Amino acid sequence: MKHTKSDDTKTAMRVSVITLVINIVLSLLKFIAGIFAGSAAMVSDALHSASDVLSTFVVIIGVRLSAKDADLEHPFGHERLECIAAIVLAAMLFAAGAGIGYSGLNSIIDGSYRDKGAPGVLALLAAVLSIAVKEWMFWYTRAAAKKTRMTALHADAWHHRSDALSSVGALLGIGAARLGYPVFDPVASIIICLFILKVAVDIFRDAAGRMIDKATDSETEQRLRYIVQGTEGVLGIDRLATRVFGSRMYVEVEIRADGGLPLSRSHDIAERVHKNIESAFPEIKHCMVHVNPTR
């Protein structure tokens, strides 16, 4: 059965709903644990997980809008709305990271961390639980992102990974604070901030690249060349151009064929090239094949 855009949309929606429910429960557990255990790092980590809830809503909206069919005002479809969703997600992530970093730095400067004492063991348990759950969510969402090639889903996967890394930072900071070094609790918040900011920048760069018609990777281009050159009747490739359009790809290729062939035969060669490319790459939205005669 042929893989369709509708299948990708259903996959993305299923993954988003599952991760949304888990994030809501996990955020509440971490926040409660941070409050009762007196850990600023765990409260910061809970706020990061809460931002995941908002990011998943952004992904759901982006996926639904990008799945709309082409219309008179948007004859090439709506796939780029998915990239816009990823950029919004990156901005939200950056803001969350900056807020967490500011709070930790402010706690160190004014010395307020000394008044809170050592965090309770509940914060440690919450950090371990968060690391396990968020790492699973990363691999689960990343697998779906690879299958659908959706930028917003890929961004959400790395949002989960950043949360897992922030929980590692929280775990180390809480552990050090319990050993008699309370300053490491807010220090952990600053480390979490740096992780989050890096992920936000990476997501933004990837989404922005897809917005400005960035070419596909070299491995994909080599596969395309191999398929085109292996098609019967193709004598060579004069030009091959690709551009990524959201989660989809456009391909333009100029092939050489025997100039003495009838027009119908040249057309058949172009059709075979077109069919072979789209069969090998389901993510292709449009493929144009031009034939140049040669003797």
Protein backbone atom coordinates (compact mmCIF):
# COMPACT_ATOMS: atom_id res chain seq x y z
CA MET A 1 0.00 0.00 0.00
CA LYS A 2 1.35 3.42 -0.99
CA HIS A 3 2.46 5.72 1.82
CA THR A 4 0.40 8.95 1.74
CA LYS A 5 0.50 12.41 3.25
CA SER A 6 -2.64 11.50 5.22
CA ASP A 7 -0.74 8.61 6.85
CA ASP A 8 2.00 11.03 7.96
CA THR A 9 -0.58 13.40 9.43
CA LYS A 10 -2.26 10.60 11.39
CA THR A 11 1.11 9.40 12.71
CA ALA A 12 2.10 12.91 13.81
CA MET A 13 -1.24 13.52 15.51
CA ARG A 14 -1.11 10.18 17.38
CA VAL A 15 2.42 10.85 18.65
CA SER A 16 1.54 14.42 19.64
CA VAL A 17 -1.54 13.42 21.66
CA ILE A 18 0.35 10.66 23.51
CA THR A 19 3.29 12.93 24.39
CA LEU A 20 0.89 15.72 25.36
CA VAL A 21 -0.84 13.59 27.99
CA ILE A 22 2.47 12.28 29.37
CA ASN A 23 3.92 15.81 29.55
CA ILE A 24 0.95 17.16 31.49
CA VAL A 25 1.22 14.39 34.11
CA LEU A 26 5.02 14.63 34.31
CA SER A 27 4.99 18.44 34.65
CA LEU A 28 2.58 18.27 37.58
CA LEU A 29 4.58 15.53 39.33
CA LYS A 30 7.87 17.42 38.94
CA PHE A 31 6.37 20.71 40.09
CA ILE A 32 4.84 19.13 43.20
CA ALA A 33 8.11 17.32 43.93
CA GLY A 34 10.10 20.55 43.49
CA ILE A 35 7.82 22.50 45.85
CA PHE A 36 7.69 19.88 48.61
CA ALA A 37 11.40 19.03 48.31
CA GLY A 38 12.44 22.70 48.19
CA SER A 39 14.41 22.39 44.94
CA ALA A 40 14.65 25.37 42.57
CA ALA A 41 16.27 23.13 39.97
CA MET A 42 13.32 20.73 39.99
CA VAL A 43 10.79 23.57 39.78
CA SER A 44 12.76 24.96 36.80
CA ASP A 45 12.75 21.49 35.24
CA ALA A 46 8.97 21.26 35.77
CA LEU A 47 8.49 24.60 34.00
CA HIS A 48 10.57 23.27 31.12
CA SER A 49 8.29 20.23 30.89
CA ALA A 50 5.28 22.57 30.98
CA SER A 51 6.72 24.38 27.96
CA ASP A 52 6.70 20.97 26.24
CA VAL A 53 2.92 20.91 26.68
CA LEU A 54 2.64 24.23 24.86
CA SER A 55 5.10 23.10 22.18
CA THR A 56 3.05 19.99 21.48
CA PHE A 57 -0.02 22.17 20.94
CA VAL A 58 2.05 24.19 18.45
CA VAL A 59 3.04 20.96 16.67
CA ILE A 60 -0.59 19.78 16.51
CA ILE A 61 -1.71 23.10 15.01
CA GLY A 62 1.22 23.16 12.57
CA VAL A 63 0.60 19.58 11.40
CA ARG A 64 -3.12 20.19 10.89
CA LEU A 65 -2.57 23.39 8.91
CA SER A 66 0.26 21.98 6.77
CA ALA A 67 -1.91 18.96 5.87
CA LYS A 68 -4.48 21.16 4.11
CA ASP A 69 -4.76 20.59 0.37
CA ALA A 70 -3.60 23.18 -2.16
CA ASP A 71 -6.11 25.92 -3.02
CA LEU A 72 -6.34 28.98 -5.29
CA GLU A 73 -4.38 31.19 -2.88
CA HIS A 74 -1.81 28.47 -2.07
CA PRO A 75 -1.36 26.39 -5.26
CA PHE A 76 1.79 24.73 -3.87
CA GLY A 77 0.12 23.60 -0.65
CA HIS A 78 0.62 24.61 2.99
CA GLU A 79 3.70 22.58 4.03
CA ARG A 80 5.68 25.65 5.05
CA LEU A 81 3.23 26.28 7.89
CA GLU A 82 4.92 23.32 9.55
CA CYS A 83 8.24 25.19 9.41
CA ILE A 84 6.56 28.25 10.91
CA ALA A 85 5.30 26.03 13.75
CA ALA A 86 8.89 24.84 14.33
CA ILE A 87 10.15 28.43 14.43
CA VAL A 88 7.43 29.37 16.96
CA LEU A 89 8.46 26.31 18.97
CA ALA A 90 12.12 27.41 18.90
CA ALA A 91 11.13 30.89 20.14
CA MET A 92 9.08 29.38 23.00
CA LEU A 93 11.97 27.11 23.93
CA PHE A 94 14.45 30.00 23.88
CA ALA A 95 12.20 32.10 26.11
CA ALA A 96 11.73 29.22 28.57
CA GLY A 97 15.49 28.62 28.73
CA ALA A 98 16.29 32.29 29.23
CA GLY A 99 13.74 32.53 32.07
CA ILE A 100 15.18 29.49 33.84
CA GLY A 101 18.74 30.83 33.49
CA TYR A 102 17.76 34.26 34.82
CA SER A 103 16.07 32.75 37.85
CA GLY A 104 19.12 30.59 38.69
CA LEU A 105 21.58 33.45 38.20
CA ASN A 106 19.48 35.80 40.31
CA SER A 107 19.36 33.21 43.12
CA ILE A 108 23.17 32.98 43.13
CA ILE A 109 23.68 36.76 43.06
CA ASP A 110 21.28 37.57 45.91
CA GLY A 111 22.28 34.48 47.93
CA SER A 112 18.69 33.33 48.40
CA TYR A 113 19.70 29.70 47.78
CA ARG A 114 21.26 29.65 51.29
CA ASP A 115 17.86 30.13 52.92
CA LYS A 116 16.26 27.10 51.28
CA GLY A 117 18.46 24.36 52.71
CA ALA A 118 19.16 21.02 51.06
CA PRO A 119 16.50 19.70 48.65
CA GLY A 120 14.52 16.65 49.76
CA VAL A 121 14.98 13.15 48.35
CA LEU A 122 11.65 13.49 46.52
CA ALA A 123 13.35 15.87 44.08
CA LEU A 124 15.99 13.25 43.30
CA LEU A 125 13.34 10.61 42.56
CA ALA A 126 11.44 13.04 40.33
CA ALA A 127 14.62 13.80 38.36
CA VAL A 128 15.33 10.11 37.74
CA LEU A 129 11.73 9.52 36.62
CA SER A 130 11.89 12.54 34.31
CA ILE A 131 15.13 11.38 32.66
CA ALA A 132 13.69 7.94 31.89
CA VAL A 133 10.33 9.20 30.59
CA LYS A 134 11.69 12.10 28.52
CA GLU A 135 14.40 9.98 26.91
CA TRP A 136 11.74 7.45 25.87
CA MET A 137 9.61 10.30 24.48
CA PHE A 138 12.60 11.57 22.48
CA TRP A 139 13.17 8.24 20.73
CA TYR A 140 9.44 7.69 20.20
CA THR A 141 8.90 11.12 18.64
CA ARG A 142 12.16 11.02 16.68
CA ALA A 143 11.16 7.72 15.05
CA ALA A 144 7.89 9.30 13.93
CA ALA A 145 9.73 12.41 12.69
CA LYS A 146 12.05 10.26 10.55
CA LYS A 147 9.09 8.36 9.14
CA THR A 148 7.06 11.47 8.27
CA ARG A 149 10.00 13.87 7.64
CA MET A 150 8.08 16.57 9.53
CA THR A 151 10.22 19.45 10.80
CA ALA A 152 7.86 20.37 13.65
CA LEU A 153 7.82 16.77 14.90
CA HIS A 154 11.62 16.63 14.70
CA ALA A 155 11.80 19.86 16.70
CA ASP A 156 9.43 18.45 19.32
CA ALA A 157 11.60 15.32 19.64
CA TRP A 158 14.65 17.43 20.44
CA HIS A 159 12.54 19.43 22.87
CA HIS A 160 11.99 16.15 24.74
CA ARG A 161 15.74 15.41 24.62
CA SER A 162 16.53 18.89 26.00
CA ASP A 163 14.13 18.14 28.85
CA ALA A 164 15.91 14.86 29.56
CA LEU A 165 19.26 16.67 29.60
CA SER A 166 17.88 19.38 31.87
CA SER A 167 16.69 16.65 34.25
CA VAL A 168 20.24 15.26 34.29
CA GLY A 169 21.46 18.73 35.25
CA ALA A 170 18.77 18.94 37.92
CA LEU A 171 19.75 15.52 39.28
CA LEU A 172 23.42 16.53 39.59
CA GLY A 173 22.55 19.90 41.14
CA ILE A 174 20.12 18.41 43.65
CA GLY A 175 22.60 15.66 44.54
CA ALA A 176 25.39 18.19 45.14
CA ALA A 177 23.07 20.40 47.21
CA ARG A 178 22.13 17.44 49.42
CA LEU A 179 25.84 16.76 49.97
CA GLY A 180 26.24 20.24 51.47
CA TYR A 181 26.75 22.46 48.44
CA PRO A 182 23.40 24.29 48.05
CA VAL A 183 24.76 26.68 45.40
CA PHE A 184 24.75 23.80 42.93
CA ASP A 185 20.94 23.76 42.90
CA PRO A 186 20.67 27.15 41.12
CA VAL A 187 23.85 26.34 39.16
CA ALA A 188 21.96 23.34 37.76
CA SER A 189 19.23 25.74 36.58
CA ILE A 190 21.83 27.72 34.63
CA ILE A 191 23.22 24.52 33.06
CA ILE A 192 19.66 23.57 32.09
CA CYS A 193 19.28 27.01 30.52
CA LEU A 194 22.34 26.52 28.30
CA PHE A 195 21.08 23.14 27.07
CA ILE A 196 17.70 24.61 26.21
CA LEU A 197 19.11 27.64 24.38
CA LYS A 198 21.35 25.47 22.19
CA VAL A 199 18.45 23.22 21.19
CA ALA A 200 16.29 26.29 20.42
CA VAL A 201 18.95 27.73 18.12
CA ASP A 202 19.43 24.39 16.32
CA ILE A 203 15.67 24.02 15.75
CA PHE A 204 15.43 27.58 14.41
CA ARG A 205 18.33 27.11 11.99
CA ASP A 206 16.87 23.88 10.60
CA ALA A 207 13.37 25.35 10.14
CA ALA A 208 14.71 28.58 8.62
CA GLY A 209 16.79 26.56 6.15
CA ARG A 210 13.66 24.75 4.98
CA MET A 211 11.82 28.05 4.61
CA ILE A 212 14.37 29.44 2.12
CA ASP A 213 14.41 26.46 -0.27
CA LYS A 214 17.53 24.80 1.05
CA ALA A 215 18.81 21.90 -1.06
CA THR A 216 18.52 18.35 0.24
CA ASP A 217 21.52 16.57 1.78
CA SER A 218 24.31 15.16 -0.41
CA GLU A 219 23.40 11.52 0.34
CA THR A 220 19.86 12.02 -0.97
CA GLU A 221 21.18 13.79 -4.07
CA GLN A 222 23.55 10.89 -4.79
CA ARG A 223 20.65 8.43 -4.51
CA LEU A 224 18.66 10.57 -6.93
CA ARG A 225 21.52 10.59 -9.44
CA TYR A 226 21.90 6.83 -9.16
CA ILE A 227 18.19 6.27 -9.86
CA VAL A 228 18.11 8.68 -12.82
CA GLN A 229 21.27 7.32 -14.43
CA GLY A 230 20.04 3.76 -13.97
CA THR A 231 16.85 4.41 -15.95
CA GLU A 232 16.77 2.87 -19.41
CA GLY A 233 17.32 5.45 -22.17
CA VAL A 234 19.08 8.04 -20.00
CA LEU A 235 22.51 8.92 -21.44
CA GLY A 236 23.49 11.38 -18.71
CA ILE A 237 22.40 14.16 -16.36
CA ASP A 238 22.87 17.80 -17.39
CA ARG A 239 21.34 19.32 -14.27
CA LEU A 240 19.86 18.16 -10.96
CA ALA A 241 18.34 20.62 -8.50
CA THR A 242 16.45 19.93 -5.27
CA ARG A 243 14.75 22.07 -2.66
CA VAL A 244 13.19 21.15 0.65
CA PHE A 245 9.68 22.51 1.12
CA GLY A 246 8.63 21.89 4.72
CA SER A 247 8.55 18.10 5.07
CA ARG A 248 8.38 17.66 1.29
CA MET A 249 10.91 17.92 -1.53
CA TYR A 250 10.92 19.34 -5.05
CA VAL A 251 13.16 17.86 -7.75
CA GLU A 252 14.11 19.27 -11.16
CA VAL A 253 16.31 17.19 -13.44
CA GLU A 254 17.53 17.61 -17.02
CA ILE A 255 18.53 14.35 -18.68
CA ARG A 256 20.24 13.57 -21.98
CA ALA A 257 18.61 11.17 -24.44
CA ASP A 258 19.22 10.11 -28.03
CA GLY A 259 18.21 13.04 -30.24
CA GLY A 260 17.19 10.68 -33.02
CA LEU A 261 14.37 9.14 -31.00
CA PRO A 262 10.73 10.01 -31.78
CA LEU A 263 9.12 12.50 -29.40
CA SER A 264 6.92 9.78 -27.91
CA ARG A 265 9.99 7.65 -27.03
CA SER A 266 11.73 10.63 -25.36
CA HIS A 267 8.53 11.28 -23.42
CA ASP A 268 8.43 7.65 -22.26
CA ILE A 269 12.02 7.93 -20.95
CA ALA A 270 11.10 11.08 -19.00
CA GLU A 271 8.04 9.33 -17.58
CA ARG A 272 10.14 6.37 -16.43
CA VAL A 273 12.58 8.71 -14.69
CA HIS A 274 9.67 10.54 -13.04
CA LYS A 275 8.07 7.30 -11.86
CA ASN A 276 11.34 5.82 -10.56
CA ILE A 277 12.15 8.96 -8.54
CA GLU A 278 8.73 9.28 -6.93
CA SER A 279 8.63 5.54 -6.14
CA ALA A 280 11.96 5.76 -4.29
CA PHE A 281 11.15 9.02 -2.49
CA PRO A 282 7.55 9.21 -1.18
CA GLU A 283 8.29 12.62 0.35
CA ILE A 284 8.63 14.23 -3.09
CA LYS A 285 5.83 16.72 -3.71
CA HIS A 286 6.71 17.58 -7.31
CA CYS A 287 9.23 16.22 -9.81
CA MET A 288 9.97 17.81 -13.19
CA VAL A 289 12.00 15.95 -15.84
CA HIS A 290 13.31 17.79 -18.91
CA VAL A 291 14.90 15.94 -21.86
CA ASN A 292 17.86 17.40 -23.77
CA PRO A 293 18.61 15.73 -27.14
CA THR A 294 22.13 14.49 -27.86
CA ARG A 295 23.81 12.52 -30.67
